[in-house]
Amino acid sequence: MSITTCKICCQVTHWSWTEAFDKFGFCDGDGLVMTEHVAQALRKKGYAVTTEPWGCHNVVITSIKSKKAKDVIPALTNLGYDDPLHYLPKRVIKLLDEAFPEDGKVLP
């Protein structure tokens, strides 16, 4: 899990990039929400990423389009509920694993 220290409360939070795809991720949005950090890592690699608020406080990645404008999230995915490790292409999983390594520190 990646490690981030909140700028506001100084609490250390352990989190996984998979939470950016989970409706209940980041303590259902009550914790330090890092969805935009995950989206930005994908954007830096050329993907067009859409994030949307889900519920009253969480934000989830709902689309990742390649340079060819093809969404890499399959159409039949139950967004917010299915495990991204089961539906994302291996190249995207590898990119995110490298961007957010186990015990890696991520600035908020």
N, C-alpha and C. Protein backbone atom coordinates (compact mmCIF):
# COMPACT_ATOMS: atom_id res chain seq x y z
N MET A 1 0.84 -1.18 0.00
CA MET A 1 0.00 0.00 0.00
C MET A 1 0.88 1.25 0.00
N SER A 2 0.42 2.25 -0.70
CA SER A 2 1.14 3.52 -0.71
C SER A 2 0.88 4.24 0.60
N ILE A 3 1.74 5.18 0.90
CA ILE A 3 1.66 5.91 2.17
C ILE A 3 1.60 7.40 1.88
N THR A 4 0.60 8.07 2.46
CA THR A 4 0.46 9.51 2.30
C THR A 4 0.14 10.12 3.66
N THR A 5 0.77 11.26 3.96
CA THR A 5 0.47 12.00 5.18
C THR A 5 -0.43 13.17 4.81
N CYS A 6 -1.58 13.24 5.44
CA CYS A 6 -2.56 14.30 5.17
C CYS A 6 -1.97 15.65 5.58
N LYS A 7 -2.09 16.64 4.69
CA LYS A 7 -1.60 17.99 4.98
C LYS A 7 -2.41 18.68 6.07
N ILE A 8 -3.66 18.29 6.22
CA ILE A 8 -4.54 18.97 7.16
C ILE A 8 -4.42 18.39 8.57
N CYS A 9 -4.52 17.06 8.68
CA CYS A 9 -4.54 16.46 10.03
C CYS A 9 -3.23 15.76 10.39
N CYS A 10 -2.29 15.68 9.44
CA CYS A 10 -0.98 15.04 9.63
C CYS A 10 -1.08 13.53 9.92
N GLN A 11 -2.23 12.92 9.65
CA GLN A 11 -2.40 11.49 9.84
C GLN A 11 -1.79 10.74 8.66
N VAL A 12 -1.06 9.67 8.97
CA VAL A 12 -0.48 8.82 7.94
C VAL A 12 -1.55 7.84 7.47
N THR A 13 -1.74 7.77 6.15
CA THR A 13 -2.76 6.90 5.57
C THR A 13 -2.09 5.91 4.63
N HIS A 14 -2.46 4.64 4.75
CA HIS A 14 -2.01 3.59 3.84
C HIS A 14 -3.17 3.33 2.88
N TRP A 15 -2.88 3.33 1.59
CA TRP A 15 -3.95 3.18 0.61
C TRP A 15 -3.43 2.46 -0.63
N SER A 16 -4.35 1.98 -1.44
CA SER A 16 -4.03 1.29 -2.68
C SER A 16 -4.67 2.02 -3.85
N TRP A 17 -3.99 2.01 -4.99
CA TRP A 17 -4.57 2.66 -6.17
C TRP A 17 -5.89 2.04 -6.58
N THR A 18 -6.15 0.80 -6.21
CA THR A 18 -7.41 0.15 -6.57
C THR A 18 -8.61 0.86 -5.94
N GLU A 19 -8.38 1.59 -4.85
CA GLU A 19 -9.47 2.31 -4.19
C GLU A 19 -10.05 3.41 -5.07
N ALA A 20 -9.29 3.88 -6.05
CA ALA A 20 -9.77 4.92 -6.96
C ALA A 20 -10.86 4.40 -7.89
N PHE A 21 -11.04 3.08 -7.92
CA PHE A 21 -12.06 2.44 -8.75
C PHE A 21 -13.21 1.88 -7.91
N ASP A 22 -13.16 2.07 -6.61
CA ASP A 22 -14.08 1.45 -5.67
C ASP A 22 -15.02 2.49 -5.08
N LYS A 23 -16.30 2.28 -5.22
CA LYS A 23 -17.29 3.20 -4.68
C LYS A 23 -17.09 3.41 -3.18
N PHE A 24 -16.59 2.36 -2.52
CA PHE A 24 -16.39 2.45 -1.07
C PHE A 24 -14.92 2.68 -0.71
N GLY A 25 -14.09 3.00 -1.70
CA GLY A 25 -12.67 3.21 -1.46
C GLY A 25 -12.41 4.44 -0.61
N PHE A 26 -11.20 4.50 -0.09
CA PHE A 26 -10.77 5.63 0.75
C PHE A 26 -11.76 5.87 1.88
N CYS A 27 -12.09 4.77 2.58
CA CYS A 27 -13.05 4.82 3.71
C CYS A 27 -14.38 5.42 3.27
N ASP A 28 -14.84 4.98 2.11
CA ASP A 28 -16.09 5.46 1.52
C ASP A 28 -16.07 6.98 1.32
N GLY A 29 -14.87 7.50 1.05
CA GLY A 29 -14.73 8.93 0.82
C GLY A 29 -14.52 9.74 2.07
N ASP A 30 -14.58 9.11 3.23
CA ASP A 30 -14.37 9.82 4.49
C ASP A 30 -12.89 9.97 4.82
N GLY A 31 -12.05 9.21 4.12
CA GLY A 31 -10.61 9.29 4.35
C GLY A 31 -9.95 10.25 3.37
N LEU A 32 -8.66 10.14 3.26
CA LEU A 32 -7.89 10.93 2.31
C LEU A 32 -8.12 10.34 0.92
N VAL A 33 -8.86 11.02 0.08
CA VAL A 33 -9.23 10.51 -1.25
C VAL A 33 -8.11 10.87 -2.24
N MET A 34 -7.51 9.82 -2.83
CA MET A 34 -6.37 9.99 -3.73
C MET A 34 -6.71 9.66 -5.19
N THR A 35 -7.99 9.65 -5.52
CA THR A 35 -8.43 9.29 -6.88
C THR A 35 -7.77 10.17 -7.94
N GLU A 36 -7.70 11.46 -7.71
CA GLU A 36 -7.10 12.36 -8.72
C GLU A 36 -5.62 12.08 -8.91
N HIS A 37 -4.93 11.63 -7.88
CA HIS A 37 -3.52 11.26 -8.02
C HIS A 37 -3.37 10.06 -8.94
N VAL A 38 -4.27 9.09 -8.79
CA VAL A 38 -4.25 7.90 -9.63
C VAL A 38 -4.58 8.30 -11.08
N ALA A 39 -5.59 9.13 -11.24
CA ALA A 39 -5.97 9.60 -12.58
C ALA A 39 -4.82 10.37 -13.22
N GLN A 40 -4.13 11.18 -12.47
CA GLN A 40 -3.02 11.97 -13.01
C GLN A 40 -1.86 11.08 -13.46
N ALA A 41 -1.60 10.00 -12.74
CA ALA A 41 -0.54 9.05 -13.14
C ALA A 41 -0.87 8.45 -14.51
N LEU A 42 -2.14 8.17 -14.74
CA LEU A 42 -2.57 7.63 -16.04
C LEU A 42 -2.50 8.71 -17.13
N ARG A 43 -2.90 9.92 -16.79
CA ARG A 43 -2.85 11.02 -17.77
C ARG A 43 -1.42 11.29 -18.22
N LYS A 44 -0.47 11.20 -17.31
CA LYS A 44 0.94 11.42 -17.65
C LYS A 44 1.45 10.40 -18.67
N LYS A 45 0.78 9.25 -18.74
CA LYS A 45 1.15 8.20 -19.69
C LYS A 45 0.30 8.25 -20.96
N GLY A 46 -0.47 9.31 -21.13
CA GLY A 46 -1.21 9.52 -22.36
C GLY A 46 -2.66 9.09 -22.37
N TYR A 47 -3.17 8.63 -21.26
CA TYR A 47 -4.57 8.22 -21.19
C TYR A 47 -5.47 9.41 -20.86
N ALA A 48 -6.67 9.40 -21.42
CA ALA A 48 -7.70 10.38 -21.05
C ALA A 48 -8.54 9.72 -19.96
N VAL A 49 -8.58 10.34 -18.80
CA VAL A 49 -9.23 9.72 -17.63
C VAL A 49 -10.38 10.59 -17.17
N THR A 50 -11.51 9.93 -16.88
CA THR A 50 -12.68 10.61 -16.34
C THR A 50 -12.89 10.14 -14.91
N THR A 51 -13.06 11.09 -14.00
CA THR A 51 -13.41 10.78 -12.62
C THR A 51 -14.77 11.41 -12.34
N GLU A 52 -15.54 10.74 -11.50
CA GLU A 52 -16.87 11.25 -11.17
C GLU A 52 -17.16 11.08 -9.68
N PRO A 53 -17.84 12.05 -9.08
CA PRO A 53 -18.26 11.87 -7.69
C PRO A 53 -19.33 10.78 -7.63
N TRP A 54 -19.19 9.91 -6.62
CA TRP A 54 -20.17 8.85 -6.39
C TRP A 54 -20.67 9.00 -4.97
N GLY A 55 -21.97 9.05 -4.83
CA GLY A 55 -22.51 9.28 -3.50
C GLY A 55 -22.23 10.72 -3.11
N CYS A 56 -22.22 10.97 -1.83
CA CYS A 56 -22.07 12.36 -1.38
C CYS A 56 -20.63 12.79 -1.18
N HIS A 57 -19.66 11.85 -1.21
CA HIS A 57 -18.30 12.32 -0.95
C HIS A 57 -17.18 11.53 -1.62
N ASN A 58 -17.44 10.44 -2.28
CA ASN A 58 -16.35 9.69 -2.89
C ASN A 58 -16.22 10.02 -4.38
N VAL A 59 -15.03 9.80 -4.93
CA VAL A 59 -14.76 10.05 -6.35
C VAL A 59 -14.16 8.77 -6.91
N VAL A 60 -14.66 8.35 -8.09
CA VAL A 60 -14.27 7.09 -8.71
C VAL A 60 -13.84 7.33 -10.15
N ILE A 61 -12.83 6.58 -10.61
CA ILE A 61 -12.44 6.61 -12.02
C ILE A 61 -13.47 5.81 -12.80
N THR A 62 -14.08 6.44 -13.81
CA THR A 62 -15.14 5.78 -14.57
C THR A 62 -14.76 5.51 -16.03
N SER A 63 -13.66 6.10 -16.50
CA SER A 63 -13.25 5.88 -17.88
C SER A 63 -11.75 6.11 -18.01
N ILE A 64 -11.10 5.24 -18.78
CA ILE A 64 -9.68 5.40 -19.12
C ILE A 64 -9.58 5.12 -20.61
N LYS A 65 -9.36 6.18 -21.38
CA LYS A 65 -9.30 6.00 -22.84
C LYS A 65 -7.85 6.06 -23.32
N SER A 66 -7.54 5.14 -24.21
CA SER A 66 -6.21 5.10 -24.82
C SER A 66 -6.09 6.22 -25.85
N LYS A 67 -4.92 6.37 -26.43
CA LYS A 67 -4.70 7.39 -27.46
C LYS A 67 -5.62 7.18 -28.66
N LYS A 68 -6.07 5.95 -28.86
CA LYS A 68 -6.99 5.64 -29.96
C LYS A 68 -8.44 5.87 -29.56
N ALA A 69 -8.66 6.48 -28.40
CA ALA A 69 -9.98 6.81 -27.86
C ALA A 69 -10.80 5.57 -27.49
N LYS A 70 -10.14 4.44 -27.32
CA LYS A 70 -10.83 3.23 -26.89
C LYS A 70 -10.77 3.15 -25.36
N ASP A 71 -11.93 2.94 -24.74
CA ASP A 71 -11.97 2.82 -23.28
C ASP A 71 -11.40 1.47 -22.89
N VAL A 72 -10.41 1.47 -21.99
CA VAL A 72 -9.80 0.22 -21.56
C VAL A 72 -10.60 -0.46 -20.45
N ILE A 73 -11.61 0.22 -19.94
CA ILE A 73 -12.53 -0.40 -18.97
C ILE A 73 -13.65 -1.05 -19.78
N PRO A 74 -13.78 -2.37 -19.71
CA PRO A 74 -14.81 -3.06 -20.50
C PRO A 74 -16.22 -2.55 -20.21
N ALA A 75 -17.04 -2.55 -21.25
CA ALA A 75 -18.40 -2.01 -21.15
C ALA A 75 -19.25 -2.71 -20.09
N LEU A 76 -19.05 -3.99 -19.88
CA LEU A 76 -19.88 -4.73 -18.93
C LEU A 76 -19.38 -4.67 -17.49
N THR A 77 -18.36 -3.85 -17.23
CA THR A 77 -17.83 -3.72 -15.88
C THR A 77 -18.86 -3.05 -14.98
N ASN A 78 -19.02 -3.58 -13.80
CA ASN A 78 -19.89 -2.97 -12.79
C ASN A 78 -19.04 -1.93 -12.06
N LEU A 79 -18.97 -0.73 -12.64
CA LEU A 79 -18.11 0.32 -12.11
C LEU A 79 -18.40 0.60 -10.65
N GLY A 80 -17.32 0.78 -9.91
CA GLY A 80 -17.42 1.08 -8.49
C GLY A 80 -17.50 -0.15 -7.62
N TYR A 81 -17.74 -1.32 -8.23
CA TYR A 81 -17.92 -2.55 -7.46
C TYR A 81 -16.97 -3.67 -7.89
N ASP A 82 -16.73 -3.82 -9.18
CA ASP A 82 -15.83 -4.87 -9.66
C ASP A 82 -14.38 -4.52 -9.31
N ASP A 83 -13.57 -5.54 -9.13
CA ASP A 83 -12.16 -5.39 -8.79
C ASP A 83 -11.38 -4.99 -10.04
N PRO A 84 -10.72 -3.83 -10.05
CA PRO A 84 -9.98 -3.41 -11.24
C PRO A 84 -8.85 -4.37 -11.63
N LEU A 85 -8.37 -5.16 -10.70
CA LEU A 85 -7.35 -6.15 -11.03
C LEU A 85 -7.90 -7.25 -11.93
N HIS A 86 -9.22 -7.36 -11.99
CA HIS A 86 -9.86 -8.37 -12.83
C HIS A 86 -10.26 -7.85 -14.20
N TYR A 87 -10.36 -6.53 -14.39
CA TYR A 87 -10.83 -6.03 -15.68
C TYR A 87 -9.87 -5.08 -16.40
N LEU A 88 -8.94 -4.47 -15.68
CA LEU A 88 -8.01 -3.57 -16.37
C LEU A 88 -6.95 -4.37 -17.13
N PRO A 89 -6.49 -3.83 -18.26
CA PRO A 89 -5.41 -4.51 -18.98
C PRO A 89 -4.14 -4.58 -18.14
N LYS A 90 -3.35 -5.61 -18.35
CA LYS A 90 -2.13 -5.81 -17.56
C LYS A 90 -1.20 -4.61 -17.67
N ARG A 91 -1.14 -3.95 -18.81
CA ARG A 91 -0.24 -2.80 -18.97
C ARG A 91 -0.66 -1.63 -18.06
N VAL A 92 -1.96 -1.47 -17.83
CA VAL A 92 -2.46 -0.40 -16.96
C VAL A 92 -2.19 -0.77 -15.51
N ILE A 93 -2.40 -2.02 -15.16
CA ILE A 93 -2.12 -2.48 -13.80
C ILE A 93 -0.63 -2.31 -13.50
N LYS A 94 0.22 -2.67 -14.44
CA LYS A 94 1.67 -2.53 -14.24
C LYS A 94 2.05 -1.05 -14.07
N LEU A 95 1.48 -0.20 -14.88
CA LEU A 95 1.75 1.24 -14.79
C LEU A 95 1.38 1.76 -13.40
N LEU A 96 0.21 1.37 -12.90
CA LEU A 96 -0.25 1.85 -11.60
C LEU A 96 0.53 1.22 -10.45
N ASP A 97 0.89 -0.05 -10.60
CA ASP A 97 1.74 -0.68 -9.57
C ASP A 97 3.08 0.03 -9.46
N GLU A 98 3.64 0.45 -10.60
CA GLU A 98 4.92 1.16 -10.59
C GLU A 98 4.78 2.57 -10.05
N ALA A 99 3.67 3.23 -10.36
CA ALA A 99 3.46 4.60 -9.90
C ALA A 99 3.16 4.66 -8.39
N PHE A 100 2.53 3.59 -7.88
CA PHE A 100 2.12 3.56 -6.48
C PHE A 100 2.60 2.26 -5.84
N PRO A 101 3.91 2.13 -5.62
CA PRO A 101 4.49 0.88 -5.10
C PRO A 101 4.14 0.64 -3.63
N GLU A 102 4.26 -0.64 -3.25
CA GLU A 102 4.08 -1.01 -1.85
C GLU A 102 5.04 -0.17 -0.99
N ASP A 103 4.52 0.41 0.06
CA ASP A 103 5.31 1.23 1.00
C ASP A 103 5.94 2.46 0.35
N GLY A 104 5.45 2.84 -0.86
CA GLY A 104 5.95 4.04 -1.50
C GLY A 104 5.25 5.26 -0.95
N LYS A 105 5.99 6.34 -0.74
CA LYS A 105 5.42 7.56 -0.22
C LYS A 105 4.88 8.41 -1.38
N VAL A 106 3.66 8.89 -1.21
CA VAL A 106 3.00 9.71 -2.22
C VAL A 106 2.60 11.02 -1.55
N LEU A 107 3.01 12.13 -2.15
CA LEU A 107 2.64 13.43 -1.60
C LEU A 107 1.19 13.72 -1.90
N PRO A 108 0.48 14.33 -0.94
CA PRO A 108 -0.94 14.65 -1.16
C PRO A 108 -1.10 15.81 -2.14
